[in-house]
Amino acid sequence: MSLHRRRLLQALPAGLGLIMGAPALMGQARPQVVVIGGGPGGATAAKYIARDSHGVLDVLLIEPASSYVTCFHSNLYVGGLKSLDAITHSYERLSSSYGIRHIRQRAAHIDRDAKVVRLEDGSRLRYDRLVLSPGVDLLYDSVPGWGRSHEAAMPHAWKAGPQTQIMKARLDSVPDGGLIVMIAPPNPYRCPPGPYERASMMAHVLKNTGRARARIMIIDAKESFSKQGLFQQGWEEYYPGMIEWLGPKIHEGVKSVDPATNTVETGFEIYKDADLVNVIPAQVAGAIATSSGLAGPSGFCEVDSETMRSRIDPNIYILGDAIMSGDMPKSAFAANSQAKVAALNVRAELTGSPSFPARYANTCWSLITPDNAVKVGGSYSAKDGKITSDHSFVSQLDESAVMRKLQAEENIGWYDAICADIFE
């Protein structure tokens, strides 16, 4: 294990790993914990509940896929810095090492009164506690003229896998002097710096393959974005004239898109015959959260910040991109951190083991070039019912090239560490 990976793995919130063996349970039947969703939140929660309960809890992971393609670092795949295999992770170790039963189906419905999850094939799974980590769903009607049937023509690539491959293939076919239009989403959404790192990686590919006359237009629903000064400084330095960002006061809103002609019409300008249109729409909690009555008017779920327990149902814990997360962004690091708090409290409830005050952490790295990474993050605790920032940090505009390269290496080390923490 590399020094970077070891240090970063040690730095991840690890309260669960310090807990001693679980006490014996009263009664005969083993309590059953069902986890819906195999992303950074759900897979981490399943692993930590199973590992630290020492066999006294049955843990079932409901996830239809056999492996998980990480959205985090998918921009590095777009930028030609990683293969798809390098960001794809199997669930096999969760089963073989921790006894987690992986149910390869989609959860169709949660009967909260009966404490039962119904699967797509009609079978039913009871639970004593449910951990829900469904990620986000895309609002296909949030961009006029674009919908689910247009994902191939105008890919979103905000759920990694085939969509990411489509977008990379389209990027690779953009000619020198070509046009890319990215429609960036409104808040809140998964991975605040993600669209802007993606634009950087697109520009990196274009510049390094002799296509530096290509343009990337970012049509943003927001007046500002995460690490804006750092990104724009980097774009001016490394990709002059290639990336242009327009906020809503300039573009006056997206009026419509036409997937048949790759046209984007705004109140400011019409972009015709683009070579690639990347539509990243508005987002809400995964559909099962809404259909089960767990999401509020915002489209996201409210939780007790001390425990990650749903404010609507005390038998359900919700985490990751699906929640209203206070000061924490929606990121893989955040979901992994929240999962450990949820796992600690599920285990304490069902086994009588000790629990500890919630501690959360997050860092988001973004590549501007392969050797230039910037970051933002902080530590958090539960205050006044919200996840509240205790300390924050962000890269500075005047950092040296040596510092930026170290942060790029740190980013790679973190990825290896967190994926081991989730899947191994």
Protein backbone atom coordinates (compact mmCIF):
# COMPACT_ATOMS: atom_id res chain seq x y z
CA MET A 1 0.00 0.00 0.00
CA SER A 2 1.39 3.43 -0.97
CA LEU A 3 2.15 6.07 1.65
CA HIS A 4 -0.52 8.36 0.16
CA ARG A 5 -3.13 5.61 0.26
CA ARG A 6 -2.25 4.55 3.81
CA ARG A 7 -2.37 8.10 5.17
CA LEU A 8 -5.62 8.92 3.41
CA LEU A 9 -7.32 5.72 4.52
CA GLN A 10 -6.29 6.49 8.07
CA ALA A 11 -7.75 9.97 7.71
CA LEU A 12 -11.22 8.73 6.74
CA PRO A 13 -13.77 8.93 9.60
CA ALA A 14 -13.26 5.61 11.32
CA GLY A 15 -15.21 5.57 14.56
CA LEU A 16 -16.72 2.20 13.73
CA GLY A 17 -13.36 0.53 13.37
CA LEU A 18 -12.50 1.37 16.97
CA ILE A 19 -15.56 -0.28 18.52
CA MET A 20 -15.06 -3.51 20.43
CA GLY A 21 -16.96 -6.70 19.66
CA ALA A 22 -20.76 -6.59 19.65
CA PRO A 23 -22.55 -7.88 22.74
CA ALA A 24 -24.85 -10.87 22.58
CA LEU A 25 -28.41 -10.21 21.46
CA MET A 26 -31.49 -10.95 23.51
CA GLY A 27 -33.82 -13.47 21.90
CA GLN A 28 -33.21 -16.06 19.23
CA ALA A 29 -33.71 -14.47 15.80
CA ARG A 30 -30.92 -12.42 14.33
CA PRO A 31 -32.02 -8.89 13.43
CA GLN A 32 -31.95 -8.17 9.72
CA VAL A 33 -30.59 -5.00 8.15
CA VAL A 34 -31.49 -4.29 4.54
CA VAL A 35 -29.39 -1.76 2.61
CA ILE A 36 -30.77 -0.33 -0.63
CA GLY A 37 -28.16 1.04 -3.02
CA GLY A 38 -24.59 -0.12 -3.66
CA GLY A 39 -22.82 3.22 -4.11
CA PRO A 40 -20.32 4.79 -1.71
CA GLY A 41 -23.02 5.27 0.91
CA GLY A 42 -24.85 1.97 0.78
CA ALA A 43 -21.85 -0.29 0.21
CA THR A 44 -19.91 1.38 3.04
CA ALA A 45 -22.85 1.07 5.43
CA ALA A 46 -23.36 -2.62 4.56
CA LYS A 47 -19.67 -3.39 5.05
CA TYR A 48 -19.31 -1.61 8.38
CA ILE A 49 -22.55 -3.00 9.84
CA ALA A 50 -21.63 -6.54 8.83
CA ARG A 51 -17.96 -6.33 9.76
CA ASP A 52 -18.40 -4.82 13.19
CA SER A 53 -21.46 -6.81 14.26
CA HIS A 54 -19.38 -10.02 14.11
CA GLY A 55 -22.16 -12.13 12.64
CA VAL A 56 -24.97 -11.20 15.02
CA LEU A 57 -26.78 -9.20 12.32
CA ASP A 58 -27.92 -10.37 8.89
CA VAL A 59 -27.01 -7.75 6.30
CA LEU A 60 -28.59 -7.74 2.83
CA LEU A 61 -27.46 -5.39 0.08
CA ILE A 62 -30.08 -4.75 -2.59
CA GLU A 63 -28.27 -3.64 -5.73
CA PRO A 64 -29.06 -4.94 -9.25
CA ALA A 65 -25.54 -4.46 -10.64
CA SER A 66 -22.68 -6.89 -10.10
CA SER A 67 -20.18 -4.04 -9.97
CA TYR A 68 -20.13 -0.30 -9.44
CA VAL A 69 -18.66 2.29 -11.81
CA THR A 70 -17.67 5.29 -9.74
CA CYS A 71 -18.95 8.70 -10.74
CA PHE A 72 -16.01 10.10 -8.84
CA HIS A 73 -12.98 9.90 -11.14
CA SER A 74 -15.21 9.28 -14.17
CA ASN A 75 -13.96 12.65 -15.38
CA LEU A 76 -10.47 11.15 -15.39
CA TYR A 77 -11.79 8.46 -17.73
CA VAL A 78 -13.20 11.22 -19.96
CA GLY A 79 -9.79 12.91 -19.84
CA GLY A 80 -8.00 9.74 -20.94
CA LEU A 81 -6.22 9.36 -17.59
CA LYS A 82 -7.98 6.17 -16.43
CA SER A 83 -9.63 3.19 -18.07
CA LEU A 84 -13.22 2.20 -17.38
CA ASP A 85 -11.94 -0.95 -15.66
CA ALA A 86 -9.93 1.23 -13.26
CA ILE A 87 -13.11 2.90 -11.97
CA THR A 88 -15.19 -0.31 -11.85
CA HIS A 89 -15.42 -2.23 -8.57
CA SER A 90 -16.95 -5.61 -7.75
CA TYR A 91 -19.15 -6.37 -4.73
CA GLU A 92 -17.66 -9.85 -4.42
CA ARG A 93 -15.44 -9.02 -1.43
CA LEU A 94 -18.40 -7.68 0.54
CA SER A 95 -20.00 -11.10 0.30
CA SER A 96 -16.93 -13.30 0.70
CA SER A 97 -15.24 -11.33 3.49
CA TYR A 98 -18.20 -10.02 5.49
CA GLY A 99 -21.07 -12.37 4.77
CA ILE A 100 -23.25 -9.72 3.15
CA ARG A 101 -25.97 -11.20 0.98
CA HIS A 102 -26.00 -9.33 -2.32
CA ILE A 103 -29.53 -9.36 -3.78
CA ARG A 104 -29.15 -8.49 -7.46
CA GLN A 105 -32.54 -6.89 -7.95
CA ARG A 106 -34.04 -3.46 -7.81
CA ALA A 107 -36.09 -2.46 -4.78
CA ALA A 108 -39.58 -1.69 -6.07
CA HIS A 109 -41.40 -0.58 -2.92
CA ILE A 110 -40.92 -0.06 0.80
CA ASP A 111 -43.87 -1.05 3.00
CA ARG A 112 -42.92 1.00 6.02
CA ASP A 113 -45.80 -0.24 8.21
CA ALA A 114 -44.89 -3.90 7.67
CA LYS A 115 -41.14 -3.14 7.56
CA VAL A 116 -40.82 -5.00 4.27
CA VAL A 117 -39.03 -4.24 1.01
CA ARG A 118 -40.69 -5.61 -2.13
CA LEU A 119 -38.34 -6.45 -4.99
CA GLU A 120 -39.05 -6.21 -8.72
CA ASP A 121 -39.75 -9.94 -8.97
CA GLY A 122 -42.41 -9.60 -6.26
CA SER A 123 -40.42 -11.24 -3.47
CA ARG A 124 -40.40 -9.56 -0.08
CA LEU A 125 -37.63 -8.96 2.43
CA ARG A 126 -38.33 -8.05 6.02
CA TYR A 127 -36.08 -5.64 7.89
CA ASP A 128 -35.50 -4.57 11.44
CA ARG A 129 -33.64 -1.55 10.16
CA LEU A 130 -33.38 -0.22 6.63
CA VAL A 131 -30.51 1.84 5.25
CA LEU A 132 -31.52 3.77 2.16
CA SER A 133 -28.83 5.17 -0.15
CA PRO A 134 -30.55 5.49 -3.55
CA GLY A 135 -28.44 8.32 -4.94
CA VAL A 136 -30.12 10.84 -7.21
CA ASP A 137 -32.67 10.68 -9.97
CA LEU A 138 -32.49 13.04 -12.92
CA LEU A 139 -35.36 15.43 -13.64
CA TYR A 140 -35.75 14.75 -17.33
CA ASP A 141 -38.27 17.54 -17.80
CA SER A 142 -36.02 20.22 -16.30
CA VAL A 143 -34.39 21.01 -19.67
CA PRO A 144 -37.01 21.90 -22.35
CA GLY A 145 -36.84 19.51 -25.29
CA TRP A 146 -34.65 16.91 -23.54
CA GLY A 147 -35.78 13.67 -21.93
CA ARG A 148 -34.87 10.10 -21.12
CA SER A 149 -35.11 9.08 -24.78
CA HIS A 150 -32.43 11.66 -25.68
CA GLU A 151 -29.66 10.33 -23.42
CA ALA A 152 -27.70 8.92 -26.36
CA ALA A 153 -27.99 12.05 -28.50
CA MET A 154 -27.27 14.43 -25.63
CA PRO A 155 -25.64 12.37 -22.86
CA HIS A 156 -25.69 13.45 -19.23
CA ALA A 157 -23.00 11.01 -17.99
CA TRP A 158 -24.03 11.91 -14.43
CA LYS A 159 -24.47 8.22 -13.65
CA ALA A 160 -21.24 6.52 -14.61
CA GLY A 161 -21.05 3.57 -16.98
CA PRO A 162 -22.52 3.39 -20.50
CA GLN A 163 -23.41 7.09 -20.43
CA THR A 164 -19.79 7.99 -19.68
CA GLN A 165 -18.61 5.81 -22.56
CA ILE A 166 -21.05 7.52 -24.94
CA MET A 167 -19.84 10.95 -23.92
CA LYS A 168 -16.16 10.04 -24.24
CA ALA A 169 -16.73 8.57 -27.70
CA ARG A 170 -18.50 11.77 -28.75
CA LEU A 171 -15.68 13.87 -27.29
CA ASP A 172 -13.11 11.86 -29.21
CA SER A 173 -14.94 12.68 -32.47
CA VAL A 174 -15.13 16.46 -31.92
CA PRO A 175 -13.12 18.13 -34.72
CA ASP A 176 -10.61 20.91 -34.32
CA GLY A 177 -12.72 24.05 -34.27
CA GLY A 178 -15.75 22.08 -33.08
CA LEU A 179 -18.29 23.09 -30.45
CA ILE A 180 -19.22 21.45 -27.15
CA VAL A 181 -22.15 22.82 -25.14
CA MET A 182 -22.51 21.79 -21.52
CA ILE A 183 -25.72 22.59 -19.63
CA ALA A 184 -24.81 22.69 -15.92
CA PRO A 185 -27.49 21.98 -13.30
CA PRO A 186 -29.04 24.10 -10.56
CA ASN A 187 -28.28 23.46 -6.89
CA PRO A 188 -28.45 21.04 -5.18
CA TYR A 189 -26.86 18.30 -7.25
CA ARG A 190 -24.32 15.52 -7.03
CA CYS A 191 -20.66 16.65 -6.97
CA PRO A 192 -20.64 20.48 -7.06
CA PRO A 193 -17.24 20.83 -8.84
CA GLY A 194 -17.94 17.93 -11.21
CA PRO A 195 -19.12 19.79 -14.35
CA TYR A 196 -16.16 22.14 -14.24
CA GLU A 197 -13.58 19.40 -13.76
CA ARG A 198 -15.27 17.66 -16.70
CA ALA A 199 -14.85 20.78 -18.86
CA SER A 200 -11.17 20.86 -17.83
CA MET A 201 -10.66 17.24 -18.80
CA MET A 202 -12.45 17.77 -22.11
CA ALA A 203 -10.17 20.71 -22.86
CA HIS A 204 -7.13 18.65 -21.84
CA VAL A 205 -8.04 15.92 -24.34
CA LEU A 206 -8.77 18.39 -27.13
CA LYS A 207 -5.59 20.41 -26.59
CA ASN A 208 -3.38 17.33 -26.39
CA THR A 209 -4.80 15.81 -29.57
CA GLY A 210 -4.28 18.91 -31.72
CA ARG A 211 -7.80 20.30 -31.39
CA ALA A 212 -7.13 23.46 -29.39
CA ARG A 213 -9.43 25.54 -31.60
CA ALA A 214 -12.47 23.66 -30.24
CA ARG A 215 -14.73 25.59 -27.86
CA ILE A 216 -16.56 24.46 -24.73
CA MET A 217 -19.55 26.62 -23.77
CA ILE A 218 -20.89 26.09 -20.24
CA ILE A 219 -24.49 27.26 -19.91
CA ASP A 220 -25.00 27.34 -16.15
CA ALA A 221 -28.21 27.53 -14.14
CA LYS A 222 -26.23 29.05 -11.24
CA GLU A 223 -24.76 32.50 -10.69
CA SER A 224 -21.59 30.95 -9.28
CA PHE A 225 -20.05 27.53 -8.78
CA SER A 226 -17.66 25.60 -6.55
CA LYS A 227 -13.99 26.64 -6.89
CA GLN A 228 -14.97 29.12 -9.59
CA GLY A 229 -11.93 31.40 -9.23
CA LEU A 230 -9.55 28.43 -9.26
CA PHE A 231 -11.13 26.88 -12.34
CA GLN A 232 -11.32 30.10 -14.31
CA GLN A 233 -7.72 30.97 -13.49
CA GLY A 234 -6.66 27.51 -14.64
CA TRP A 235 -8.71 27.69 -17.83
CA GLU A 236 -7.12 31.02 -18.76
CA GLU A 237 -3.64 29.66 -18.10
CA TYR A 238 -3.87 26.20 -19.66
CA TYR A 239 -6.77 26.40 -22.13
CA PRO A 240 -6.94 30.02 -23.35
CA GLY A 241 -9.98 30.67 -25.51
CA MET A 242 -11.29 27.10 -25.16
CA ILE A 243 -13.73 27.28 -22.22
CA GLU A 244 -16.37 29.96 -21.72
CA TRP A 245 -18.74 30.04 -18.76
CA LEU A 246 -22.08 31.85 -18.93
CA GLY A 247 -24.28 32.42 -15.89
CA PRO A 248 -28.06 32.91 -16.09
CA LYS A 249 -27.84 36.72 -16.13
CA ILE A 250 -25.95 36.43 -19.39
CA HIS A 251 -27.62 33.53 -21.18
CA GLU A 252 -31.13 34.31 -19.81
CA GLY A 253 -32.04 30.66 -19.47
CA VAL A 254 -32.16 27.57 -21.68
CA LYS A 255 -35.25 27.99 -23.84
CA SER A 256 -35.03 24.62 -25.59
CA VAL A 257 -32.72 21.95 -26.94
CA ASP A 258 -33.17 19.93 -30.12
CA PRO A 259 -31.46 16.52 -29.89
CA ALA A 260 -32.08 15.88 -33.59
CA THR A 261 -29.88 18.81 -34.64
CA ASN A 262 -27.74 19.21 -31.49
CA THR A 263 -29.05 22.74 -31.06
CA VAL A 264 -29.26 24.65 -27.78
CA GLU A 265 -31.32 27.82 -27.68
CA THR A 266 -30.83 30.32 -24.87
CA GLY A 267 -32.19 33.81 -24.37
CA PHE A 268 -28.76 35.11 -25.37
CA GLU A 269 -27.71 32.96 -28.32
CA ILE A 270 -28.60 29.87 -30.32
CA TYR A 271 -25.87 27.23 -30.58
CA LYS A 272 -26.51 25.18 -33.71
CA ASP A 273 -25.07 21.86 -34.85
CA ALA A 274 -22.89 21.35 -31.77
CA ASP A 275 -20.55 18.38 -31.96
CA LEU A 276 -21.41 17.38 -28.38
CA VAL A 277 -24.15 18.57 -26.05
CA ASN A 278 -23.73 17.42 -22.45
CA VAL A 279 -27.01 17.97 -20.59
CA ILE A 280 -26.69 17.70 -16.81
CA PRO A 281 -30.26 18.21 -15.54
CA ALA A 282 -31.67 19.09 -12.14
CA GLN A 283 -31.68 16.25 -9.61
CA VAL A 284 -33.70 14.87 -6.70
CA ALA A 285 -33.41 11.88 -4.37
CA GLY A 286 -33.72 8.43 -5.96
CA ALA A 287 -37.33 7.59 -6.86
CA ILE A 288 -37.83 5.00 -4.13
CA ALA A 289 -37.34 7.71 -1.50
CA THR A 290 -40.22 9.70 -2.99
CA SER A 291 -42.51 6.73 -3.61
CA SER A 292 -42.00 5.63 -0.01
CA GLY A 293 -42.93 9.05 1.36
CA LEU A 294 -39.45 9.74 2.70
CA ALA A 295 -38.58 12.79 0.59
CA GLY A 296 -39.92 16.22 1.41
CA PRO A 297 -41.06 19.07 -0.86
CA SER A 298 -37.42 19.79 -1.78
CA GLY A 299 -37.16 16.38 -3.42
CA PHE A 300 -34.59 15.28 -0.83
CA CYS A 301 -34.83 13.51 2.53
CA GLU A 302 -34.48 15.08 5.95
CA VAL A 303 -32.44 13.15 8.52
CA ASP A 304 -31.38 13.51 12.13
CA SER A 305 -27.85 14.83 11.82
CA GLU A 306 -26.73 12.96 14.96
CA THR A 307 -27.59 9.53 13.57
CA MET A 308 -28.62 9.76 9.86
CA ARG A 309 -32.04 8.42 10.91
CA SER A 310 -34.97 9.56 8.76
CA ARG A 311 -37.04 12.29 10.38
CA ILE A 312 -40.12 10.56 8.97
CA ASP A 313 -39.49 6.91 9.88
CA PRO A 314 -37.34 5.90 12.89
CA ASN A 315 -36.63 2.46 11.40
CA ILE A 316 -34.95 3.90 8.31
CA TYR A 317 -31.56 5.56 7.92
CA ILE A 318 -30.90 7.64 4.79
CA LEU A 319 -27.58 8.92 3.52
CA GLY A 320 -25.56 10.16 0.58
CA ASP A 321 -26.83 12.20 -2.33
CA ALA A 322 -30.49 11.61 -1.39
CA ILE A 323 -30.46 13.72 1.78
CA MET A 324 -30.66 17.38 2.68
CA SER A 325 -27.09 17.43 3.96
CA GLY A 326 -26.77 20.85 5.55
CA ASP A 327 -23.30 22.24 4.94
CA MET A 328 -21.96 19.01 3.41
CA PRO A 329 -21.85 18.71 -0.38
CA LYS A 330 -23.21 15.68 -2.20
CA SER A 331 -20.04 13.69 -2.81
CA ALA A 332 -18.63 10.19 -2.49
CA PHE A 333 -16.43 11.24 0.43
CA ALA A 334 -19.49 12.69 2.20
CA ALA A 335 -21.60 9.56 1.58
CA ASN A 336 -18.82 7.32 2.90
CA SER A 337 -18.53 9.50 6.01
CA GLN A 338 -22.29 9.55 6.61
CA ALA A 339 -22.50 5.78 6.09
CA LYS A 340 -20.14 5.18 8.99
CA VAL A 341 -22.29 7.29 11.30
CA ALA A 342 -25.41 5.43 10.17
CA ALA A 343 -23.73 2.04 10.55
CA LEU A 344 -22.55 2.91 14.06
CA ASN A 345 -26.06 3.83 15.15
CA VAL A 346 -27.78 0.88 13.47
CA ARG A 347 -25.41 -1.46 15.22
CA ALA A 348 -25.83 0.31 18.56
CA GLU A 349 -29.62 0.08 18.28
CA LEU A 350 -29.77 -3.58 17.37
CA THR A 351 -26.93 -4.96 19.47
CA GLY A 352 -26.59 -2.59 22.41
CA SER A 353 -23.03 -1.68 21.44
CA PRO A 354 -21.80 1.85 22.23
CA SER A 355 -22.36 4.83 19.99
CA PHE A 356 -20.37 8.03 19.72
CA PRO A 357 -21.04 11.63 18.64
CA ALA A 358 -21.31 12.02 14.90
CA ARG A 359 -18.21 13.21 13.05
CA TYR A 360 -18.21 13.93 9.35
CA ALA A 361 -15.56 14.90 6.82
CA ASN A 362 -15.32 15.70 3.15
CA THR A 363 -12.73 16.68 0.57
CA CYS A 364 -13.35 17.23 -3.14
CA TRP A 365 -10.33 17.25 -5.45
CA SER A 366 -10.64 18.52 -9.02
CA LEU A 367 -8.14 18.23 -11.84
CA ILE A 368 -7.51 21.23 -14.05
CA THR A 369 -4.66 19.40 -15.78
CA PRO A 370 -3.24 15.95 -14.93
CA ASP A 371 -0.61 17.64 -12.74
CA ASN A 372 -2.73 20.48 -11.37
CA ALA A 373 -5.40 19.63 -8.79
CA VAL A 374 -7.35 21.97 -6.53
CA LYS A 375 -9.40 20.96 -3.52
CA VAL A 376 -12.09 22.08 -1.11
CA GLY A 377 -13.34 20.41 2.04
CA GLY A 378 -13.87 20.48 5.75
CA SER A 379 -14.98 18.76 8.92
CA TYR A 380 -18.54 18.74 10.20
CA SER A 381 -20.65 17.89 13.24
CA ALA A 382 -24.32 17.75 14.20
CA LYS A 383 -25.60 21.10 15.42
CA ASP A 384 -29.15 22.44 15.68
CA GLY A 385 -30.47 19.49 13.70
CA LYS A 386 -28.16 20.02 10.71
CA ILE A 387 -24.78 18.80 9.54
CA THR A 388 -22.80 21.96 10.21
CA SER A 389 -19.33 22.99 9.11
CA ASP A 390 -16.73 23.20 11.89
CA HIS A 391 -13.75 23.89 9.68
CA SER A 392 -13.31 24.41 5.95
CA PHE A 393 -10.45 24.84 3.52
CA VAL A 394 -9.98 25.57 -0.17
CA SER A 395 -6.98 25.76 -2.47
CA GLN A 396 -5.49 29.21 -2.98
CA LEU A 397 -5.00 31.01 -6.26
CA ASP A 398 -1.26 31.50 -5.67
CA GLU A 399 -0.31 27.88 -4.95
CA SER A 400 2.89 26.62 -6.52
CA ALA A 401 3.07 24.08 -9.32
CA VAL A 402 4.70 21.69 -6.83
CA MET A 403 1.74 22.03 -4.47
CA ARG A 404 -0.78 21.47 -7.25
CA LYS A 405 1.05 18.35 -8.41
CA LEU A 406 1.15 17.01 -4.84
CA GLN A 407 -2.60 17.55 -4.63
CA ALA A 408 -3.06 15.65 -7.88
CA GLU A 409 -1.12 12.73 -6.38
CA GLU A 410 -3.14 13.04 -3.18
CA ASN A 411 -6.31 12.77 -5.27
CA ILE A 412 -5.16 9.46 -6.76
CA GLY A 413 -4.17 8.16 -3.33
CA TRP A 414 -7.53 9.12 -1.89
CA TYR A 415 -9.37 7.29 -4.68
CA ASP A 416 -7.48 4.07 -4.01
CA ALA A 417 -8.04 4.43 -0.28
CA ILE A 418 -11.75 5.15 -0.35
CA CYS A 419 -12.49 2.41 -2.88
CA ALA A 420 -10.66 -0.07 -0.63
CA ASP A 421 -12.65 1.24 2.32
CA ILE A 422 -15.93 0.75 0.45
CA PHE A 423 -15.44 -2.46 -1.50
CA GLU A 424 -12.63 -4.50 0.13
